[in-house]
Amino acid sequence: FTYALGGQEYAVTETIDVTAPSDGKQRVTSFVGADDVRYVLAMVAPSEPEVAVNDIHALLFKMESMMSFPLVENYSIALDPRMPGMANHSSPNNEDLTYDGNAHMYTGKLSLTMTGYWKLNLKLLNTDGEVLKGEDVTEENEASSLYWELEF
C-alpha cells in the first residue's frame, strides 16, 4: 500500500496470517451469486455463543479484483438456524441480518435454545429482495447451500 503525506511518498507492507477456526467450523464463505458477482460473507459474532438470543454480526464483501474487496451495503441476510442432529429443529425469535450503517456491518438476532452443533442456513438478498444465493430449508431440502456453523 502506498500513500503520500506532505509531498512525501510512503509504502506500507504488512503480512496478515489467516488461519481456519480451530474447531473447523465454517464462519466465512465465498461464492458467486445469481448476479455473477463473487462475494465473501463472514460471521463476526457471536464469538462465544450462549443459550440465549445472541447478537449476530456479519460482513459482506464483493470481489472486484484480486486486491479489491469493497464492503456491500444494504443487502439482507435471511437466517434459519437448525440443529441437524436433533431432527433439524429450528429456534424462535431469530431476526434476519440487515445492514447497520453506523456499525458498517450486518446485524441481527440468533436464538440458540441448547448447546450443540448448529448450522446457520442463510439466504443473501439484494436491495430488490432478489435471492442471490441460498435456499429455504424444507422437508425436501434439509440445508441451504449458503451457511455458517457453530458448536458450543
N, C-alpha and C. Protein backbone atom coordinates (compact mmCIF):
# COMPACT_ATOMS: atom_id res chain seq x y z
N PHE A 1 0.86 -1.16 0.00
CA PHE A 1 0.00 0.00 0.00
C PHE A 1 0.90 1.23 0.00
N THR A 2 0.68 2.14 -0.92
CA THR A 2 1.47 3.36 -0.95
C THR A 2 0.56 4.57 -0.75
N TYR A 3 1.12 5.59 -0.13
CA TYR A 3 0.36 6.81 0.09
C TYR A 3 1.34 7.98 0.17
N ALA A 4 0.77 9.18 0.00
CA ALA A 4 1.59 10.39 0.07
C ALA A 4 1.12 11.24 1.24
N LEU A 5 2.07 11.84 1.93
CA LEU A 5 1.77 12.71 3.05
C LEU A 5 2.76 13.86 3.03
N GLY A 6 2.24 15.08 2.88
CA GLY A 6 3.12 16.25 2.82
C GLY A 6 4.09 16.20 1.66
N GLY A 7 3.67 15.65 0.55
CA GLY A 7 4.52 15.56 -0.63
C GLY A 7 5.51 14.41 -0.60
N GLN A 8 5.58 13.69 0.49
CA GLN A 8 6.48 12.54 0.62
C GLN A 8 5.69 11.25 0.42
N GLU A 9 6.23 10.34 -0.40
CA GLU A 9 5.56 9.05 -0.62
C GLU A 9 6.07 8.02 0.37
N TYR A 10 5.13 7.20 0.85
CA TYR A 10 5.45 6.14 1.80
C TYR A 10 4.84 4.83 1.30
N ALA A 11 5.45 3.75 1.69
CA ALA A 11 4.92 2.42 1.36
C ALA A 11 4.78 1.63 2.65
N VAL A 12 3.69 0.90 2.75
CA VAL A 12 3.43 0.08 3.92
C VAL A 12 3.19 -1.35 3.45
N THR A 13 3.87 -2.27 4.09
CA THR A 13 3.61 -3.68 3.83
C THR A 13 3.37 -4.36 5.16
N GLU A 14 2.44 -5.26 5.16
CA GLU A 14 2.10 -6.00 6.39
C GLU A 14 1.67 -7.39 5.98
N THR A 15 2.19 -8.37 6.68
CA THR A 15 1.77 -9.75 6.44
C THR A 15 0.67 -10.09 7.43
N ILE A 16 -0.41 -10.58 6.91
CA ILE A 16 -1.55 -10.97 7.75
C ILE A 16 -1.68 -12.48 7.69
N ASP A 17 -1.59 -13.13 8.83
CA ASP A 17 -1.78 -14.57 8.90
C ASP A 17 -3.26 -14.88 8.97
N VAL A 18 -3.74 -15.67 8.03
CA VAL A 18 -5.14 -16.08 8.01
C VAL A 18 -5.18 -17.56 8.33
N THR A 19 -5.89 -17.91 9.39
CA THR A 19 -5.98 -19.30 9.79
C THR A 19 -7.44 -19.72 9.90
N ALA A 20 -7.68 -20.98 9.66
CA ALA A 20 -9.03 -21.52 9.81
C ALA A 20 -9.37 -21.62 11.29
N PRO A 21 -10.65 -21.56 11.63
CA PRO A 21 -11.03 -21.74 13.04
C PRO A 21 -10.50 -23.07 13.57
N SER A 22 -10.07 -23.08 14.82
CA SER A 22 -9.50 -24.30 15.40
C SER A 22 -10.52 -25.43 15.48
N ASP A 23 -11.82 -25.09 15.52
CA ASP A 23 -12.84 -26.14 15.59
C ASP A 23 -13.27 -26.63 14.20
N GLY A 24 -12.73 -26.03 13.13
CA GLY A 24 -13.05 -26.48 11.78
C GLY A 24 -14.42 -26.06 11.27
N LYS A 25 -15.13 -25.25 12.02
CA LYS A 25 -16.48 -24.83 11.61
C LYS A 25 -16.40 -23.66 10.64
N GLN A 26 -17.34 -23.63 9.71
CA GLN A 26 -17.35 -22.60 8.67
C GLN A 26 -17.99 -21.31 9.18
N ARG A 27 -17.19 -20.26 9.20
CA ARG A 27 -17.68 -18.93 9.59
C ARG A 27 -17.47 -17.90 8.49
N VAL A 28 -16.75 -18.30 7.45
CA VAL A 28 -16.51 -17.45 6.28
C VAL A 28 -16.78 -18.30 5.05
N THR A 29 -17.46 -17.71 4.07
CA THR A 29 -17.73 -18.44 2.84
C THR A 29 -17.60 -17.50 1.66
N SER A 30 -17.09 -18.01 0.55
CA SER A 30 -17.05 -17.22 -0.68
C SER A 30 -17.86 -17.97 -1.73
N PHE A 31 -18.52 -17.20 -2.59
CA PHE A 31 -19.43 -17.81 -3.56
C PHE A 31 -19.72 -16.81 -4.67
N VAL A 32 -20.25 -17.33 -5.78
CA VAL A 32 -20.71 -16.49 -6.88
C VAL A 32 -22.23 -16.42 -6.77
N GLY A 33 -22.75 -15.20 -6.72
CA GLY A 33 -24.19 -15.01 -6.62
C GLY A 33 -24.88 -15.15 -7.96
N ALA A 34 -26.21 -15.15 -7.95
CA ALA A 34 -27.01 -15.24 -9.17
C ALA A 34 -26.75 -14.06 -10.10
N ASP A 35 -26.14 -12.99 -9.59
CA ASP A 35 -25.79 -11.81 -10.38
C ASP A 35 -24.38 -11.91 -10.96
N ASP A 36 -23.75 -13.10 -10.85
CA ASP A 36 -22.39 -13.37 -11.35
C ASP A 36 -21.31 -12.55 -10.65
N VAL A 37 -21.57 -12.11 -9.45
CA VAL A 37 -20.58 -11.39 -8.63
C VAL A 37 -20.05 -12.36 -7.58
N ARG A 38 -18.73 -12.33 -7.35
CA ARG A 38 -18.14 -13.15 -6.29
C ARG A 38 -18.22 -12.38 -4.98
N TYR A 39 -18.76 -13.05 -3.95
CA TYR A 39 -18.94 -12.45 -2.63
C TYR A 39 -18.14 -13.21 -1.58
N VAL A 40 -17.80 -12.53 -0.51
CA VAL A 40 -17.24 -13.14 0.70
C VAL A 40 -18.14 -12.71 1.85
N LEU A 41 -18.68 -13.69 2.57
CA LEU A 41 -19.59 -13.43 3.69
C LEU A 41 -18.97 -14.02 4.95
N ALA A 42 -18.76 -13.17 5.95
CA ALA A 42 -18.06 -13.59 7.17
C ALA A 42 -18.89 -13.28 8.41
N MET A 43 -19.04 -14.28 9.28
CA MET A 43 -19.70 -14.07 10.56
C MET A 43 -18.66 -13.51 11.54
N VAL A 44 -18.96 -12.36 12.13
CA VAL A 44 -18.06 -11.70 13.07
C VAL A 44 -18.41 -12.09 14.51
N ALA A 45 -19.69 -12.16 14.82
CA ALA A 45 -20.16 -12.50 16.17
C ALA A 45 -21.46 -13.28 16.03
N PRO A 46 -21.75 -14.16 16.98
CA PRO A 46 -21.12 -14.29 18.29
C PRO A 46 -19.85 -15.12 18.24
N SER A 47 -18.83 -14.69 18.95
CA SER A 47 -17.61 -15.48 19.06
C SER A 47 -17.71 -16.47 20.22
N GLU A 48 -18.55 -16.14 21.19
CA GLU A 48 -18.81 -17.05 22.31
C GLU A 48 -20.32 -17.16 22.49
N PRO A 49 -20.97 -18.00 21.66
CA PRO A 49 -22.43 -18.10 21.72
C PRO A 49 -22.92 -18.67 23.04
N GLU A 50 -24.14 -18.30 23.39
CA GLU A 50 -24.77 -18.77 24.62
C GLU A 50 -26.16 -19.29 24.31
N VAL A 51 -26.71 -20.09 25.22
CA VAL A 51 -28.11 -20.49 25.12
C VAL A 51 -28.92 -19.25 25.49
N ALA A 52 -29.30 -18.51 24.46
CA ALA A 52 -29.97 -17.22 24.61
C ALA A 52 -30.22 -16.66 23.22
N VAL A 53 -30.80 -15.48 23.17
CA VAL A 53 -30.87 -14.75 21.91
C VAL A 53 -29.58 -13.93 21.82
N ASN A 54 -28.73 -14.30 20.89
CA ASN A 54 -27.41 -13.69 20.71
C ASN A 54 -27.46 -12.62 19.63
N ASP A 55 -26.66 -11.57 19.79
CA ASP A 55 -26.44 -10.64 18.69
C ASP A 55 -25.58 -11.35 17.66
N ILE A 56 -25.94 -11.23 16.39
CA ILE A 56 -25.14 -11.81 15.32
C ILE A 56 -24.72 -10.68 14.39
N HIS A 57 -23.44 -10.68 14.03
CA HIS A 57 -22.87 -9.63 13.19
C HIS A 57 -22.12 -10.29 12.03
N ALA A 58 -22.19 -9.66 10.86
CA ALA A 58 -21.53 -10.21 9.68
C ALA A 58 -21.02 -9.08 8.79
N LEU A 59 -20.07 -9.44 7.95
CA LEU A 59 -19.54 -8.54 6.93
C LEU A 59 -19.72 -9.20 5.58
N LEU A 60 -20.09 -8.41 4.58
CA LEU A 60 -20.28 -8.90 3.22
C LEU A 60 -19.42 -8.04 2.29
N PHE A 61 -18.58 -8.72 1.51
CA PHE A 61 -17.71 -8.04 0.55
C PHE A 61 -17.96 -8.60 -0.84
N LYS A 62 -17.70 -7.77 -1.86
CA LYS A 62 -17.73 -8.28 -3.23
C LYS A 62 -16.32 -8.16 -3.79
N MET A 63 -15.97 -9.13 -4.61
CA MET A 63 -14.63 -9.15 -5.19
C MET A 63 -14.65 -8.39 -6.51
N GLU A 64 -13.94 -7.28 -6.54
CA GLU A 64 -13.80 -6.52 -7.79
C GLU A 64 -12.55 -6.95 -8.54
N SER A 65 -11.51 -7.32 -7.79
CA SER A 65 -10.25 -7.81 -8.35
C SER A 65 -9.57 -8.62 -7.26
N MET A 66 -8.41 -9.15 -7.56
CA MET A 66 -7.68 -9.94 -6.56
C MET A 66 -7.27 -9.10 -5.34
N MET A 67 -7.26 -7.78 -5.50
CA MET A 67 -6.82 -6.91 -4.42
C MET A 67 -7.91 -5.97 -3.92
N SER A 68 -9.11 -6.05 -4.47
CA SER A 68 -10.17 -5.11 -4.10
C SER A 68 -11.43 -5.85 -3.69
N PHE A 69 -11.80 -5.70 -2.42
CA PHE A 69 -12.98 -6.34 -1.85
C PHE A 69 -13.80 -5.30 -1.08
N PRO A 70 -14.55 -4.43 -1.80
CA PRO A 70 -15.32 -3.41 -1.08
C PRO A 70 -16.49 -4.02 -0.30
N LEU A 71 -16.86 -3.35 0.77
CA LEU A 71 -17.99 -3.74 1.59
C LEU A 71 -19.28 -3.54 0.80
N VAL A 72 -20.19 -4.50 0.89
CA VAL A 72 -21.50 -4.40 0.25
C VAL A 72 -22.49 -3.92 1.30
N GLU A 73 -23.21 -2.87 1.00
CA GLU A 73 -24.17 -2.29 1.93
C GLU A 73 -25.60 -2.53 1.47
N ASN A 74 -26.52 -2.53 2.43
CA ASN A 74 -27.96 -2.50 2.19
C ASN A 74 -28.57 -3.74 1.54
N TYR A 75 -27.87 -4.87 1.58
CA TYR A 75 -28.48 -6.14 1.23
C TYR A 75 -29.12 -6.68 2.52
N SER A 76 -29.64 -7.88 2.49
CA SER A 76 -30.12 -8.52 3.71
C SER A 76 -29.74 -9.99 3.68
N ILE A 77 -29.65 -10.57 4.86
CA ILE A 77 -29.24 -11.97 5.01
C ILE A 77 -30.30 -12.67 5.84
N ALA A 78 -31.07 -13.54 5.19
CA ALA A 78 -32.10 -14.31 5.89
C ALA A 78 -31.41 -15.41 6.68
N LEU A 79 -31.89 -15.64 7.90
CA LEU A 79 -31.25 -16.56 8.85
C LEU A 79 -32.24 -17.64 9.28
N ASP A 80 -31.82 -18.90 9.17
CA ASP A 80 -32.64 -20.04 9.61
C ASP A 80 -31.73 -21.06 10.30
N PRO A 81 -31.47 -20.89 11.62
CA PRO A 81 -30.59 -21.83 12.32
C PRO A 81 -31.27 -23.17 12.56
N ARG A 82 -30.51 -24.24 12.38
CA ARG A 82 -31.04 -25.60 12.56
C ARG A 82 -30.02 -26.46 13.29
N MET A 83 -30.54 -27.49 13.99
CA MET A 83 -29.68 -28.50 14.62
C MET A 83 -29.87 -29.81 13.86
N PRO A 84 -28.97 -30.12 12.92
CA PRO A 84 -29.14 -31.34 12.12
C PRO A 84 -29.21 -32.61 12.96
N GLY A 85 -28.51 -32.65 14.09
CA GLY A 85 -28.51 -33.84 14.95
C GLY A 85 -29.74 -33.98 15.81
N MET A 86 -30.62 -32.99 15.76
CA MET A 86 -31.84 -33.01 16.58
C MET A 86 -33.06 -32.83 15.67
N ALA A 87 -33.14 -33.67 14.65
CA ALA A 87 -34.26 -33.66 13.69
C ALA A 87 -34.38 -32.33 12.96
N ASN A 88 -33.25 -31.63 12.84
CA ASN A 88 -33.18 -30.37 12.09
C ASN A 88 -34.09 -29.29 12.65
N HIS A 89 -34.31 -29.32 13.97
CA HIS A 89 -35.22 -28.33 14.56
C HIS A 89 -34.59 -26.94 14.53
N SER A 90 -35.44 -25.93 14.50
CA SER A 90 -35.01 -24.54 14.46
C SER A 90 -35.18 -23.92 15.84
N SER A 91 -35.25 -22.62 15.90
CA SER A 91 -35.43 -21.91 17.17
C SER A 91 -36.27 -20.66 16.92
N PRO A 92 -36.95 -20.18 17.96
CA PRO A 92 -37.80 -18.99 17.80
C PRO A 92 -36.99 -17.70 17.98
N ASN A 93 -37.60 -16.59 17.61
CA ASN A 93 -37.10 -15.25 17.90
C ASN A 93 -35.81 -14.86 17.18
N ASN A 94 -35.55 -15.48 16.03
CA ASN A 94 -34.41 -15.07 15.21
C ASN A 94 -34.81 -13.84 14.40
N GLU A 95 -33.84 -12.99 14.13
CA GLU A 95 -34.07 -11.82 13.28
C GLU A 95 -33.03 -11.81 12.17
N ASP A 96 -33.50 -11.70 10.92
CA ASP A 96 -32.61 -11.64 9.78
C ASP A 96 -31.61 -10.49 9.94
N LEU A 97 -30.48 -10.62 9.28
CA LEU A 97 -29.44 -9.60 9.36
C LEU A 97 -29.70 -8.51 8.33
N THR A 98 -29.65 -7.27 8.78
CA THR A 98 -29.79 -6.11 7.91
C THR A 98 -28.58 -5.21 8.11
N TYR A 99 -28.33 -4.37 7.13
CA TYR A 99 -27.15 -3.52 7.20
C TYR A 99 -27.35 -2.38 8.18
N ASP A 100 -26.39 -2.21 9.07
CA ASP A 100 -26.38 -1.13 10.05
C ASP A 100 -25.29 -0.14 9.61
N GLY A 101 -25.71 1.00 9.07
CA GLY A 101 -24.76 1.98 8.56
C GLY A 101 -23.85 2.57 9.61
N ASN A 102 -24.31 2.65 10.85
CA ASN A 102 -23.46 3.17 11.93
C ASN A 102 -22.36 2.20 12.29
N ALA A 103 -22.68 0.91 12.31
CA ALA A 103 -21.70 -0.12 12.66
C ALA A 103 -20.90 -0.59 11.45
N HIS A 104 -21.37 -0.27 10.24
CA HIS A 104 -20.73 -0.70 8.98
C HIS A 104 -20.68 -2.22 8.88
N MET A 105 -21.75 -2.87 9.33
CA MET A 105 -21.85 -4.32 9.22
C MET A 105 -23.32 -4.73 9.28
N TYR A 106 -23.56 -6.01 9.06
CA TYR A 106 -24.91 -6.56 9.13
C TYR A 106 -25.16 -7.06 10.54
N THR A 107 -26.34 -6.78 11.07
CA THR A 107 -26.68 -7.18 12.43
C THR A 107 -28.04 -7.85 12.46
N GLY A 108 -28.20 -8.79 13.38
CA GLY A 108 -29.46 -9.49 13.56
C GLY A 108 -29.47 -10.18 14.92
N LYS A 109 -30.42 -11.09 15.09
CA LYS A 109 -30.55 -11.84 16.34
C LYS A 109 -30.55 -13.33 16.02
N LEU A 110 -29.78 -14.09 16.80
CA LEU A 110 -29.64 -15.53 16.65
C LEU A 110 -30.07 -16.19 17.95
N SER A 111 -31.16 -16.94 17.89
CA SER A 111 -31.67 -17.64 19.07
C SER A 111 -31.13 -19.06 19.10
N LEU A 112 -30.39 -19.38 20.15
CA LEU A 112 -29.85 -20.73 20.34
C LEU A 112 -30.50 -21.30 21.59
N THR A 113 -31.28 -22.36 21.42
CA THR A 113 -32.08 -22.90 22.51
C THR A 113 -31.39 -24.01 23.29
N MET A 114 -30.26 -24.49 22.80
CA MET A 114 -29.50 -25.51 23.51
C MET A 114 -28.08 -25.56 22.96
N THR A 115 -27.18 -26.19 23.73
CA THR A 115 -25.81 -26.35 23.26
C THR A 115 -25.77 -27.46 22.23
N GLY A 116 -24.72 -27.46 21.42
CA GLY A 116 -24.54 -28.48 20.40
C GLY A 116 -24.16 -27.85 19.07
N TYR A 117 -24.28 -28.65 18.02
CA TYR A 117 -23.92 -28.22 16.67
C TYR A 117 -25.10 -27.54 16.00
N TRP A 118 -24.89 -26.33 15.52
CA TRP A 118 -25.91 -25.57 14.80
C TRP A 118 -25.40 -25.24 13.40
N LYS A 119 -26.27 -25.42 12.42
CA LYS A 119 -26.00 -24.98 11.05
C LYS A 119 -26.87 -23.76 10.81
N LEU A 120 -26.25 -22.63 10.53
CA LEU A 120 -26.97 -21.38 10.31
C LEU A 120 -27.21 -21.23 8.82
N ASN A 121 -28.38 -21.66 8.37
CA ASN A 121 -28.75 -21.60 6.96
C ASN A 121 -29.05 -20.16 6.59
N LEU A 122 -28.53 -19.73 5.44
CA LEU A 122 -28.61 -18.33 5.04
C LEU A 122 -29.15 -18.18 3.63
N LYS A 123 -29.70 -17.02 3.37
CA LYS A 123 -30.03 -16.57 2.01
C LYS A 123 -29.58 -15.12 1.90
N LEU A 124 -28.85 -14.81 0.84
CA LEU A 124 -28.42 -13.43 0.59
C LEU A 124 -29.39 -12.81 -0.41
N LEU A 125 -29.96 -11.66 -0.01
CA LEU A 125 -30.90 -10.94 -0.87
C LEU A 125 -30.35 -9.56 -1.19
N ASN A 126 -30.52 -9.14 -2.45
CA ASN A 126 -30.05 -7.81 -2.83
C ASN A 126 -31.07 -6.75 -2.42
N THR A 127 -30.83 -5.51 -2.81
CA THR A 127 -31.71 -4.40 -2.39
C THR A 127 -33.11 -4.51 -2.97
N ASP A 128 -33.28 -5.30 -4.05
CA ASP A 128 -34.60 -5.53 -4.64
C ASP A 128 -35.30 -6.75 -4.04
N GLY A 129 -34.65 -7.40 -3.05
CA GLY A 129 -35.23 -8.59 -2.43
C GLY A 129 -35.04 -9.86 -3.24
N GLU A 130 -34.20 -9.81 -4.25
CA GLU A 130 -33.93 -10.99 -5.08
C GLU A 130 -32.88 -11.86 -4.39
N VAL A 131 -33.11 -13.17 -4.36
CA VAL A 131 -32.17 -14.09 -3.73
C VAL A 131 -30.96 -14.27 -4.64
N LEU A 132 -29.79 -13.95 -4.12
CA LEU A 132 -28.54 -14.11 -4.88
C LEU A 132 -27.87 -15.44 -4.59
N LYS A 133 -28.12 -15.99 -3.40
CA LYS A 133 -27.54 -17.28 -3.03
C LYS A 133 -28.30 -17.81 -1.82
N GLY A 134 -28.48 -19.13 -1.77
CA GLY A 134 -29.12 -19.78 -0.64
C GLY A 134 -30.54 -20.20 -0.96
N GLU A 135 -31.03 -21.15 -0.18
CA GLU A 135 -32.35 -21.71 -0.39
C GLU A 135 -33.08 -21.85 0.94
N ASP A 136 -34.41 -21.94 0.87
CA ASP A 136 -35.21 -22.21 2.05
C ASP A 136 -34.95 -23.63 2.53
N VAL A 137 -35.01 -23.85 3.84
CA VAL A 137 -34.95 -25.19 4.41
C VAL A 137 -36.38 -25.72 4.44
N THR A 138 -36.57 -26.90 3.85
CA THR A 138 -37.88 -27.55 3.79
C THR A 138 -37.69 -29.02 4.13
N GLU A 139 -38.78 -29.78 4.13
CA GLU A 139 -38.65 -31.23 4.35
C GLU A 139 -37.84 -31.88 3.24
N GLU A 140 -37.95 -31.34 2.03
CA GLU A 140 -37.20 -31.90 0.89
C GLU A 140 -35.78 -31.36 0.82
N ASN A 141 -35.54 -30.18 1.38
CA ASN A 141 -34.23 -29.54 1.33
C ASN A 141 -33.77 -29.25 2.76
N GLU A 142 -32.89 -30.09 3.29
CA GLU A 142 -32.50 -30.02 4.70
C GLU A 142 -31.57 -28.87 5.05
N ALA A 143 -30.94 -28.26 4.04
CA ALA A 143 -29.98 -27.19 4.33
C ALA A 143 -29.83 -26.28 3.12
N SER A 144 -29.45 -25.05 3.39
CA SER A 144 -29.14 -24.09 2.34
C SER A 144 -27.71 -24.32 1.86
N SER A 145 -27.44 -23.94 0.63
CA SER A 145 -26.07 -24.03 0.11
C SER A 145 -25.19 -22.90 0.66
N LEU A 146 -25.81 -21.94 1.33
CA LEU A 146 -25.09 -20.84 1.97
C LEU A 146 -25.31 -20.96 3.47
N TYR A 147 -24.23 -21.13 4.23
CA TYR A 147 -24.40 -21.37 5.67
C TYR A 147 -23.13 -21.06 6.44
N TRP A 148 -23.30 -20.90 7.76
CA TRP A 148 -22.22 -20.87 8.73
C TRP A 148 -22.47 -22.00 9.72
N GLU A 149 -21.45 -22.32 10.53
CA GLU A 149 -21.59 -23.37 11.54
C GLU A 149 -21.12 -22.86 12.90
N LEU A 150 -21.80 -23.35 13.93
CA LEU A 150 -21.42 -23.08 15.33
C LEU A 150 -21.53 -24.38 16.11
N GLU A 151 -20.65 -24.55 17.08
CA GLU A 151 -20.81 -25.64 18.04
C GLU A 151 -20.29 -25.13 19.38
N PHE A 152 -21.12 -25.30 20.40
CA PHE A 152 -20.72 -24.83 21.73
C PHE A 152 -21.38 -25.69 22.78
